[in-house]
Protein backbone atom coordinates (compact mmCIF):
# COMPACT_ATOMS: atom_id res chain seq x y z
CA MET A 1 12.41 6.95 -11.45
CA LEU A 2 12.30 7.24 -7.49
CA LYS A 3 10.42 10.67 -7.89
CA LYS A 4 7.69 9.51 -10.43
CA SER A 5 7.08 6.56 -7.87
CA LEU A 6 6.56 8.92 -5.20
CA ILE A 7 3.87 10.63 -7.26
CA ALA A 8 2.13 7.89 -8.27
CA ALA A 9 2.03 6.95 -4.71
CA VAL A 10 0.79 10.13 -3.75
CA ALA A 11 -1.96 10.17 -6.79
CA ALA A 12 -3.11 6.88 -5.85
CA LEU A 13 -4.16 8.48 -2.38
CA ALA A 14 -5.09 11.76 -3.82
CA VAL A 15 -8.76 13.19 -2.63
CA MET A 16 -10.94 12.80 -5.59
CA HIS A 17 -13.71 15.11 -5.80
CA THR A 18 -17.09 12.59 -6.69
CA THR A 19 -20.22 12.53 -5.74
CA THR A 20 -19.82 10.66 -1.98
CA TRP A 21 -20.33 10.50 1.57
CA ALA A 22 -17.20 12.28 1.85
CA ASP A 23 -15.15 14.77 0.59
CA SER A 24 -11.30 14.06 1.90
CA PRO A 25 -9.64 11.30 3.60
CA ALA A 26 -10.45 13.26 6.97
CA ASP A 27 -14.01 13.06 6.66
CA LEU A 28 -14.46 9.17 6.62
CA ASN A 29 -15.97 7.22 8.79
CA ASP A 30 -14.04 4.27 10.37
CA LEU A 31 -15.80 2.01 8.47
CA GLU A 32 -14.77 3.94 5.12
CA ILE A 33 -11.09 3.99 6.95
CA ALA A 34 -11.30 0.42 7.44
CA HIS A 35 -12.07 -0.63 3.66
CA VAL A 36 -9.16 1.65 2.52
CA ALA A 37 -7.13 0.11 4.67
CA TYR A 38 -8.11 -3.16 3.68
CA THR A 39 -7.96 -1.91 -0.11
CA ALA A 40 -4.67 -0.58 0.43
CA ASP A 41 -3.30 -3.94 1.96
CA VAL A 42 -4.85 -5.89 -1.32
CA VAL A 43 -3.55 -3.52 -3.79
CA ASP A 44 0.03 -4.58 -1.97
CA ILE A 45 -0.74 -8.02 -2.37
CA ARG A 46 -1.60 -7.61 -6.00
CA TYR A 47 1.78 -5.79 -6.32
CA ALA A 48 3.57 -8.72 -4.66
CA HIS A 49 2.11 -11.57 -6.95
CA LEU A 50 3.07 -9.59 -9.82
CA ALA A 51 6.94 -9.38 -8.62
CA LEU A 52 6.58 -13.35 -7.88
CA ALA A 53 5.86 -13.41 -11.52
CA ILE A 54 8.05 -11.34 -13.25
CA SER A 55 10.88 -10.97 -11.26
CA THR A 56 13.99 -13.24 -10.79
CA ASN A 57 15.81 -11.25 -7.86
CA PRO A 58 15.40 -13.50 -4.86
CA LYS A 59 15.56 -10.18 -2.88
CA ILE A 60 12.36 -9.26 -4.47
CA HIS A 61 10.73 -12.60 -4.17
CA GLU A 62 11.69 -12.36 -0.48
CA PHE A 63 10.15 -8.76 -0.13
CA ALA A 64 6.87 -9.79 -2.15
CA ARG A 65 6.26 -12.96 0.02
CA THR A 66 6.74 -10.91 2.90
CA MET A 67 4.25 -8.28 1.84
CA ILE A 68 1.57 -11.43 0.93
CA ARG A 69 2.17 -12.71 4.66
CA ASP A 70 2.01 -9.49 6.47
CA HIS A 71 -0.69 -7.69 4.62
CA SER A 72 -2.86 -10.57 4.45
CA ALA A 73 -2.37 -10.93 8.37
CA VAL A 74 -3.49 -7.74 8.99
CA ASN A 75 -6.66 -7.78 6.72
CA GLU A 76 -7.36 -11.12 8.44
CA GLN A 77 -7.24 -9.18 11.65
CA ALA A 78 -9.35 -6.51 10.23
CA MET A 79 -12.36 -8.52 9.28
CA GLU A 80 -12.35 -10.55 12.60
CA LEU A 81 -12.31 -7.39 14.68
CA LEU A 82 -15.46 -6.12 12.10
CA ASN A 83 -17.03 -9.56 12.28
CA LYS A 84 -16.67 -8.85 16.42
CA LEU A 85 -18.19 -5.45 16.19
CA LYS A 86 -20.70 -6.64 13.56
CA ALA A 87 -19.35 -4.17 11.00
CA GLN A 88 -18.61 -3.82 7.20
CA PRO A 89 -16.26 -2.01 5.67
CA GLN A 90 -17.94 0.83 3.36
CA ASP A 91 -16.57 1.44 0.09
CA ASN A 92 -15.88 5.14 -0.56
CA PHE A 93 -14.15 7.30 -3.03
CA LEU A 94 -10.67 6.34 -2.19
CA SER A 95 -10.94 3.10 -2.18
CA ARG A 96 -12.31 3.06 -5.65
CA GLN A 97 -9.30 4.99 -6.70
CA MET A 98 -6.64 3.44 -5.34
CA ASN A 99 -7.88 0.29 -7.55
CA GLU A 100 -7.90 2.44 -10.41
CA ASN A 101 -4.54 3.36 -9.80
CA ALA A 102 -3.14 0.09 -8.90
CA ASN A 103 -5.08 -1.33 -12.31
CA LYS A 104 -3.22 1.30 -14.16
CA LEU A 105 0.28 0.44 -12.23
CA ILE A 106 0.11 -3.19 -12.83
CA ALA A 107 -0.95 -2.91 -16.53
CA GLU A 108 2.50 -0.60 -16.51
CA MET A 109 4.60 -2.70 -14.73
CA SER A 110 3.58 -5.66 -16.45
CA LYS A 111 5.41 -4.62 -19.50
CA LEU A 112 8.83 -4.67 -17.76
CA SER A 113 11.46 -7.35 -16.70
CA GLY A 114 14.84 -7.92 -15.31
CA PRO A 115 16.30 -4.86 -13.47
CA GLU A 116 13.82 -2.33 -14.83
CA PHE A 117 11.10 -4.35 -13.55
CA ASP A 118 12.94 -4.67 -10.25
CA ARG A 119 13.59 -1.08 -9.76
CA ARG A 120 9.92 -0.10 -10.31
CA TYR A 121 8.41 -2.59 -8.28
CA ALA A 122 11.09 -1.59 -5.05
CA GLU A 123 10.80 2.07 -5.50
CA ASN A 124 6.41 1.81 -6.12
CA GLU A 125 6.81 0.22 -2.79
CA LEU A 126 8.84 2.35 -1.25
CA GLY A 127 6.18 5.53 -2.34
CA TYR A 128 3.11 3.60 -1.70
CA HIS A 129 4.31 2.25 1.81
CA GLY A 130 5.48 6.11 2.45
CA ALA A 131 1.79 7.59 1.24
CA VAL A 132 0.07 5.16 3.13
CA ASN A 133 2.05 5.13 6.26
CA SER A 134 1.55 9.26 6.41
CA LEU A 135 -2.30 8.97 5.83
CA VAL A 136 -2.71 6.46 8.06
CA GLU A 137 -0.25 8.39 10.72
CA LYS A 138 -1.66 11.76 10.09
CA THR A 139 -5.27 11.59 8.97
CA PHE A 140 -6.57 7.74 9.89
CA ILE A 141 -5.98 7.18 12.99
CA PRO A 142 -6.14 10.18 14.80
CA ASN A 143 -9.97 10.57 13.57
CA ILE A 144 -10.95 6.95 14.23
CA GLU A 145 -13.39 6.96 16.98
CA ASN A 146 -13.59 3.34 17.89
CA ALA A 147 -10.23 2.38 20.43
CA GLU A 148 -10.22 -1.94 19.00
CA VAL A 149 -9.99 -0.36 15.30
CA LYS A 150 -7.33 2.75 16.43
CA ALA A 151 -5.37 -0.25 18.13
CA LEU A 152 -5.33 -2.49 15.04
CA PHE A 153 -4.53 0.80 12.94
CA GLN A 154 -1.41 1.50 15.29
CA ASP A 155 0.21 -1.84 15.36
CA ALA A 156 -0.29 -2.30 11.49
CA LEU A 157 1.58 0.67 11.06
CA ALA A 158 4.74 -0.14 12.87
CA ILE A 159 4.95 -3.45 10.79
CA PHE A 160 4.24 -1.03 7.82
CA LYS A 161 7.13 1.34 8.55
CA VAL A 162 9.28 -1.52 8.69
CA HIS A 163 8.28 -2.31 5.14
CA GLN A 164 9.09 1.13 3.72
CA GLU A 165 12.47 0.73 5.59
CA HIS A 166 12.67 -2.66 3.52
CA ALA A 167 11.75 -0.92 0.36
CA ALA A 168 14.17 1.95 1.03
CA MET A 169 17.02 -0.13 1.19
CA MET A 170 15.87 -2.55 -1.93
CA VAL A 171 15.87 0.68 -3.52
CA LYS A 172 19.01 1.84 -2.63
CA THR A 173 20.69 -1.58 -3.62
CA LEU A 174 19.11 -1.53 -6.83
CA LEU A 175 20.54 1.83 -7.89
CA GLN A 176 24.14 0.82 -6.60
CA ARG A 177 23.79 -2.23 -8.50
CA GLN A 178 22.53 -0.46 -11.91
CA SER A 179 25.47 2.50 -11.14
CA ALA A 180 28.24 0.31 -10.74
CA LYS A 181 27.52 -1.72 -14.43
CA GLN A 182 27.17 1.57 -16.06
């Protein structure tokens, strides 16, 4: 299941060959990168709201509330910076693909409940944060031209790496509980 989740997360970030200004994440400009990051935060907030609606596990709820709080805060900082720079994020192939994949995953997870939902949500969070963090660290930060935007991404990455570690602990705990019941 974890492998499936990681594959889904990577697919959510996969480069799609469509008619756009950029053919790969490395070709995106700062405003397109900002849109991808904003979209990634919004997607994770959507997953968190789903977790709050479906799960009865207090640890899942705690994690979901953290996702909503932290991703909302980063998006607010990003919008403040863009307003200061008198710029608007630019939609692109990657942010559209992320939304499409999120819609499919939310539809899938909406059909789950109990420990099955909790495990799927936690595994997705682990895979999603891993894929997004890797993209931000290895592709976006090295290619961002504006120093203030780059600093915001570096600060956000530190927070989101903690999210990834927390998700890994959740997955481990949920798998241990499942093994103990068998």
